[in-house]
């Protein structure tokens, strides 16, 4: 049984606490299971709710998050479009990104739940960035993640 039995859409803080309590191997197993698609879908659906529009200001940017480690060996690519204080998210990227962030599935879950510091992930080489590195430093502050 998975250590995570809730969704960020149902209870964001409970989901974050379950991610915090899970080991890296448990998170990896979860993200290699058939539940990966629903978890990624729920995270995508929840991102606009945790987006801090006031911090975005006049930022106009397209960011791609590439989450590696899919069961088929592929990568999930999430496209985040920030325009005039609004955020739209899609799992079907169509635009050229200003920034591309690539990280593993366990680190992705930890980052979106506030259980990992994105700057430390980057500094430790666990998250790769390509493109506007100045935006890399600013990007995490655009989201209000739970504090489990």
C-alpha atoms as a PDB file:
ATOM      1  CA  UNK A   1       0.000   0.000   0.000  1.00  0.00           C
ATOM      2  CA  UNK A   2       1.198   3.492  -0.832  1.00  0.00           C
ATOM      3  CA  UNK A   3       2.070   5.885   1.994  1.00  0.00           C
ATOM      4  CA  UNK A   4       0.050   8.520   0.130  1.00  0.00           C
ATOM      5  CA  UNK A   5      -3.686   8.014   0.101  1.00  0.00           C
ATOM      6  CA  UNK A   6      -4.950  11.541  -0.478  1.00  0.00           C
ATOM      7  CA  UNK A   7      -4.790  14.113  -3.249  1.00  0.00           C
ATOM      8  CA  UNK A   8      -3.603  17.717  -3.115  1.00  0.00           C
ATOM      9  CA  UNK A   9      -7.031  18.636  -4.476  1.00  0.00           C
ATOM     10  CA  UNK A  10      -8.758  17.082  -1.459  1.00  0.00           C
ATOM     11  CA  UNK A  11      -6.364  18.156   1.296  1.00  0.00           C
ATOM     12  CA  UNK A  12      -3.162  19.964   0.297  1.00  0.00           C
ATOM     13  CA  UNK A  13      -1.635  19.879   3.791  1.00  0.00           C
ATOM     14  CA  UNK A  14      -2.407  16.183   4.366  1.00  0.00           C
ATOM     15  CA  UNK A  15      -0.868  15.358   0.986  1.00  0.00           C
ATOM     16  CA  UNK A  16       2.262  17.361   1.906  1.00  0.00           C
ATOM     17  CA  UNK A  17       2.528  15.588   5.261  1.00  0.00           C
ATOM     18  CA  UNK A  18       2.230  12.189   3.591  1.00  0.00           C
ATOM     19  CA  UNK A  19       4.976  13.106   1.119  1.00  0.00           C
ATOM     20  CA  UNK A  20       7.152  14.261   4.029  1.00  0.00           C
ATOM     21  CA  UNK A  21       6.629  10.974   5.888  1.00  0.00           C
ATOM     22  CA  UNK A  22       7.381   8.811   2.852  1.00  0.00           C
ATOM     23  CA  UNK A  23      10.871   7.630   1.984  1.00  0.00           C
ATOM     24  CA  UNK A  24      12.444   8.401  -1.379  1.00  0.00           C
ATOM     25  CA  UNK A  25      11.994   4.762  -2.408  1.00  0.00           C
ATOM     26  CA  UNK A  26       8.285   4.892  -1.492  1.00  0.00           C
ATOM     27  CA  UNK A  27       7.829   8.105  -3.470  1.00  0.00           C
ATOM     28  CA  UNK A  28       9.677   6.633  -6.434  1.00  0.00           C
ATOM     29  CA  UNK A  29       7.537   3.472  -6.307  1.00  0.00           C
ATOM     30  CA  UNK A  30       4.391   5.606  -6.177  1.00  0.00           C
ATOM     31  CA  UNK A  31       5.499   7.660  -9.171  1.00  0.00           C
ATOM     32  CA  UNK A  32       6.259   4.480 -11.111  1.00  0.00           C
ATOM     33  CA  UNK A  33       2.812   3.083 -10.347  1.00  0.00           C
ATOM     34  CA  UNK A  34      -0.449   3.578 -12.256  1.00  0.00           C
ATOM     35  CA  UNK A  35      -1.310   6.353  -9.729  1.00  0.00           C
ATOM     36  CA  UNK A  36       1.344   8.667 -11.210  1.00  0.00           C
ATOM     37  CA  UNK A  37      -1.013  10.060 -13.855  1.00  0.00           C
ATOM     38  CA  UNK A  38      -3.719  10.976 -11.360  1.00  0.00           C
ATOM     39  CA  UNK A  39      -1.203  12.518  -8.946  1.00  0.00           C
ATOM     40  CA  UNK A  40       0.365  14.635 -11.696  1.00  0.00           C
ATOM     41  CA  UNK A  41      -3.126  15.627 -12.926  1.00  0.00           C
ATOM     42  CA  UNK A  42      -4.115  16.687  -9.399  1.00  0.00           C
ATOM     43  CA  UNK A  43      -0.916  18.700  -8.927  1.00  0.00           C
ATOM     44  CA  UNK A  44      -1.501  20.433 -12.268  1.00  0.00           C
ATOM     45  CA  UNK A  45      -5.093  21.214 -11.288  1.00  0.00           C
ATOM     46  CA  UNK A  46      -3.955  22.593  -7.909  1.00  0.00           C
ATOM     47  CA  UNK A  47      -1.095  24.834  -9.129  1.00  0.00           C
ATOM     48  CA  UNK A  48      -3.300  27.842 -10.001  1.00  0.00           C
ATOM     49  CA  UNK A  49      -4.710  27.750  -6.448  1.00  0.00           C
ATOM     50  CA  UNK A  50      -1.238  28.103  -4.907  1.00  0.00           C
ATOM     51  CA  UNK A  51       0.027  30.644  -7.459  1.00  0.00           C
ATOM     52  CA  UNK A  52       0.821  33.999  -5.830  1.00  0.00           C
ATOM     53  CA  UNK A  53      -0.209  36.468  -8.523  1.00  0.00           C
ATOM     54  CA  UNK A  54       0.957  39.499  -6.540  1.00  0.00           C
ATOM     55  CA  UNK A  55       4.522  38.140  -6.553  1.00  0.00           C
ATOM     56  CA  UNK A  56       4.442  37.555 -10.304  1.00  0.00           C
ATOM     57  CA  UNK A  57       3.804  41.231 -11.021  1.00  0.00           C
ATOM     58  CA  UNK A  58       4.340  41.888 -14.704  1.00  0.00           C
ATOM     59  CA  UNK A  59       6.242  38.656 -15.308  1.00  0.00           C
ATOM     60  CA  UNK A  60       5.541  37.128 -18.694  1.00  0.00           C
ATOM     61  CA  UNK A  61       7.111  33.683 -18.960  1.00  0.00           C
ATOM     62  CA  UNK A  62       6.654  30.121 -20.123  1.00  0.00           C
ATOM     63  CA  UNK A  63       8.217  27.488 -17.881  1.00  0.00           C
ATOM     64  CA  UNK A  64       8.409  23.778 -18.592  1.00  0.00           C
ATOM     65  CA  UNK A  65       8.737  21.307 -15.729  1.00  0.00           C
ATOM     66  CA  UNK A  66      10.048  17.964 -16.901  1.00  0.00           C
ATOM     67  CA  UNK A  67       9.416  15.180 -14.417  1.00  0.00           C
ATOM     68  CA  UNK A  68      11.487  12.128 -15.273  1.00  0.00           C
ATOM     69  CA  UNK A  69      10.996   8.521 -14.236  1.00  0.00           C
ATOM     70  CA  UNK A  70       7.691   7.602 -15.864  1.00  0.00           C
ATOM     71  CA  UNK A  71       7.007   3.844 -15.835  1.00  0.00           C
ATOM     72  CA  UNK A  72       7.512   3.730 -19.618  1.00  0.00           C
ATOM     73  CA  UNK A  73      10.851   5.536 -19.276  1.00  0.00           C
ATOM     74  CA  UNK A  74       9.421   8.812 -20.519  1.00  0.00           C
ATOM     75  CA  UNK A  75       9.029  12.242 -19.020  1.00  0.00           C
ATOM     76  CA  UNK A  76       5.957  14.257 -18.056  1.00  0.00           C
ATOM     77  CA  UNK A  77       6.278  17.846 -19.246  1.00  0.00           C
ATOM     78  CA  UNK A  78       4.123  20.471 -17.574  1.00  0.00           C
ATOM     79  CA  UNK A  79       3.812  23.846 -19.254  1.00  0.00           C
ATOM     80  CA  UNK A  80       3.250  26.802 -16.943  1.00  0.00           C
ATOM     81  CA  UNK A  81       2.331  30.055 -18.640  1.00  0.00           C
ATOM     82  CA  UNK A  82       2.513  33.172 -16.481  1.00  0.00           C
ATOM     83  CA  UNK A  83       0.967  36.267 -18.024  1.00  0.00           C
ATOM     84  CA  UNK A  84      -0.199  39.460 -16.308  1.00  0.00           C
ATOM     85  CA  UNK A  85      -0.562  37.839 -12.888  1.00  0.00           C
ATOM     86  CA  UNK A  86      -2.332  34.723 -14.131  1.00  0.00           C
ATOM     87  CA  UNK A  87      -1.164  31.140 -14.390  1.00  0.00           C
ATOM     88  CA  UNK A  88      -2.329  28.499 -16.804  1.00  0.00           C
ATOM     89  CA  UNK A  89      -0.957  24.980 -16.684  1.00  0.00           C
ATOM     90  CA  UNK A  90      -1.063  22.290 -19.322  1.00  0.00           C
ATOM     91  CA  UNK A  91       0.327  18.815 -19.769  1.00  0.00           C
ATOM     92  CA  UNK A  92       0.464  19.449 -23.512  1.00  0.00           C
ATOM     93  CA  UNK A  93       3.315  21.929 -24.049  1.00  0.00           C
ATOM     94  CA  UNK A  94       2.891  24.102 -27.132  1.00  0.00           C
ATOM     95  CA  UNK A  95       5.113  27.119 -26.452  1.00  0.00           C
ATOM     96  CA  UNK A  96       8.844  27.705 -26.375  1.00  0.00           C
ATOM     97  CA  UNK A  97       9.917  27.886 -22.730  1.00  0.00           C
ATOM     98  CA  UNK A  98      11.939  30.691 -21.230  1.00  0.00           C
ATOM     99  CA  UNK A  99      13.015  28.217 -18.551  1.00  0.00           C
ATOM    100  CA  UNK A 100      13.020  24.417 -18.402  1.00  0.00           C
ATOM    101  CA  UNK A 101      13.361  22.672 -15.036  1.00  0.00           C
ATOM    102  CA  UNK A 102      14.076  18.936 -15.022  1.00  0.00           C
ATOM    103  CA  UNK A 103      13.940  16.774 -11.907  1.00  0.00           C
ATOM    104  CA  UNK A 104      13.165  13.288 -10.712  1.00  0.00           C
ATOM    105  CA  UNK A 105       9.732  12.185  -9.523  1.00  0.00           C
ATOM    106  CA  UNK A 106      10.496  12.025  -5.780  1.00  0.00           C
ATOM    107  CA  UNK A 107      12.130  15.464  -5.809  1.00  0.00           C
ATOM    108  CA  UNK A 108       9.201  16.848  -7.814  1.00  0.00           C
ATOM    109  CA  UNK A 109       6.713  15.639  -5.190  1.00  0.00           C
ATOM    110  CA  UNK A 110       8.863  17.042  -2.400  1.00  0.00           C
ATOM    111  CA  UNK A 111       9.268  20.400  -4.132  1.00  0.00           C
ATOM    112  CA  UNK A 112       5.589  20.982  -4.943  1.00  0.00           C
ATOM    113  CA  UNK A 113       4.616  20.108  -1.371  1.00  0.00           C
ATOM    114  CA  UNK A 114       7.159  22.344   0.334  1.00  0.00           C
ATOM    115  CA  UNK A 115       9.260  19.404   1.530  1.00  0.00           C
ATOM    116  CA  UNK A 116      12.307  20.317  -0.549  1.00  0.00           C
ATOM    117  CA  UNK A 117      13.920  23.660  -1.182  1.00  0.00           C
ATOM    118  CA  UNK A 118      14.094  24.241  -4.959  1.00  0.00           C
ATOM    119  CA  UNK A 119      17.277  26.303  -4.633  1.00  0.00           C
ATOM    120  CA  UNK A 120      19.015  23.470  -2.779  1.00  0.00           C
ATOM    121  CA  UNK A 121      17.790  20.933  -5.334  1.00  0.00           C
ATOM    122  CA  UNK A 122      19.351  23.093  -8.035  1.00  0.00           C
ATOM    123  CA  UNK A 123      22.608  23.671  -6.140  1.00  0.00           C
ATOM    124  CA  UNK A 124      22.958  19.950  -5.423  1.00  0.00           C
ATOM    125  CA  UNK A 125      22.382  19.053  -9.072  1.00  0.00           C
ATOM    126  CA  UNK A 126      19.102  17.257  -8.383  1.00  0.00           C
ATOM    127  CA  UNK A 127      17.190  19.784 -10.471  1.00  0.00           C
ATOM    128  CA  UNK A 128      18.574  20.932 -13.803  1.00  0.00           C
ATOM    129  CA  UNK A 129      17.723  24.309 -15.269  1.00  0.00           C
ATOM    130  CA  UNK A 130      18.056  25.415 -18.854  1.00  0.00           C
ATOM    131  CA  UNK A 131      17.270  28.913 -20.043  1.00  0.00           C
ATOM    132  CA  UNK A 132      16.747  32.019 -17.913  1.00  0.00           C
ATOM    133  CA  UNK A 133      18.698  31.239 -14.736  1.00  0.00           C
ATOM    134  CA  UNK A 134      17.525  34.491 -13.136  1.00  0.00           C
ATOM    135  CA  UNK A 135      13.980  33.178 -13.397  1.00  0.00           C
ATOM    136  CA  UNK A 136      15.152  29.938 -11.750  1.00  0.00           C
ATOM    137  CA  UNK A 137      15.854  31.847  -8.544  1.00  0.00           C
ATOM    138  CA  UNK A 138      12.559  33.766  -8.647  1.00  0.00           C
ATOM    139  CA  UNK A 139      10.260  30.953  -9.764  1.00  0.00           C
ATOM    140  CA  UNK A 140       9.789  29.129  -6.390  1.00  0.00           C
ATOM    141  CA  UNK A 141       8.625  32.333  -4.693  1.00  0.00           C
ATOM    142  CA  UNK A 142       5.640  32.467  -7.056  1.00  0.00           C
ATOM    143  CA  UNK A 143       3.923  29.583  -5.269  1.00  0.00           C
ATOM    144  CA  UNK A 144       2.578  29.250  -1.732  1.00  0.00           C
ATOM    145  CA  UNK A 145       3.363  25.696  -0.787  1.00  0.00           C
ATOM    146  CA  UNK A 146       2.120  24.081   2.417  1.00  0.00           C
ATOM    147  CA  UNK A 147       4.405  23.914   5.427  1.00  0.00           C
ATOM    148  CA  UNK A 148       4.024  20.340   6.673  1.00  0.00           C
END
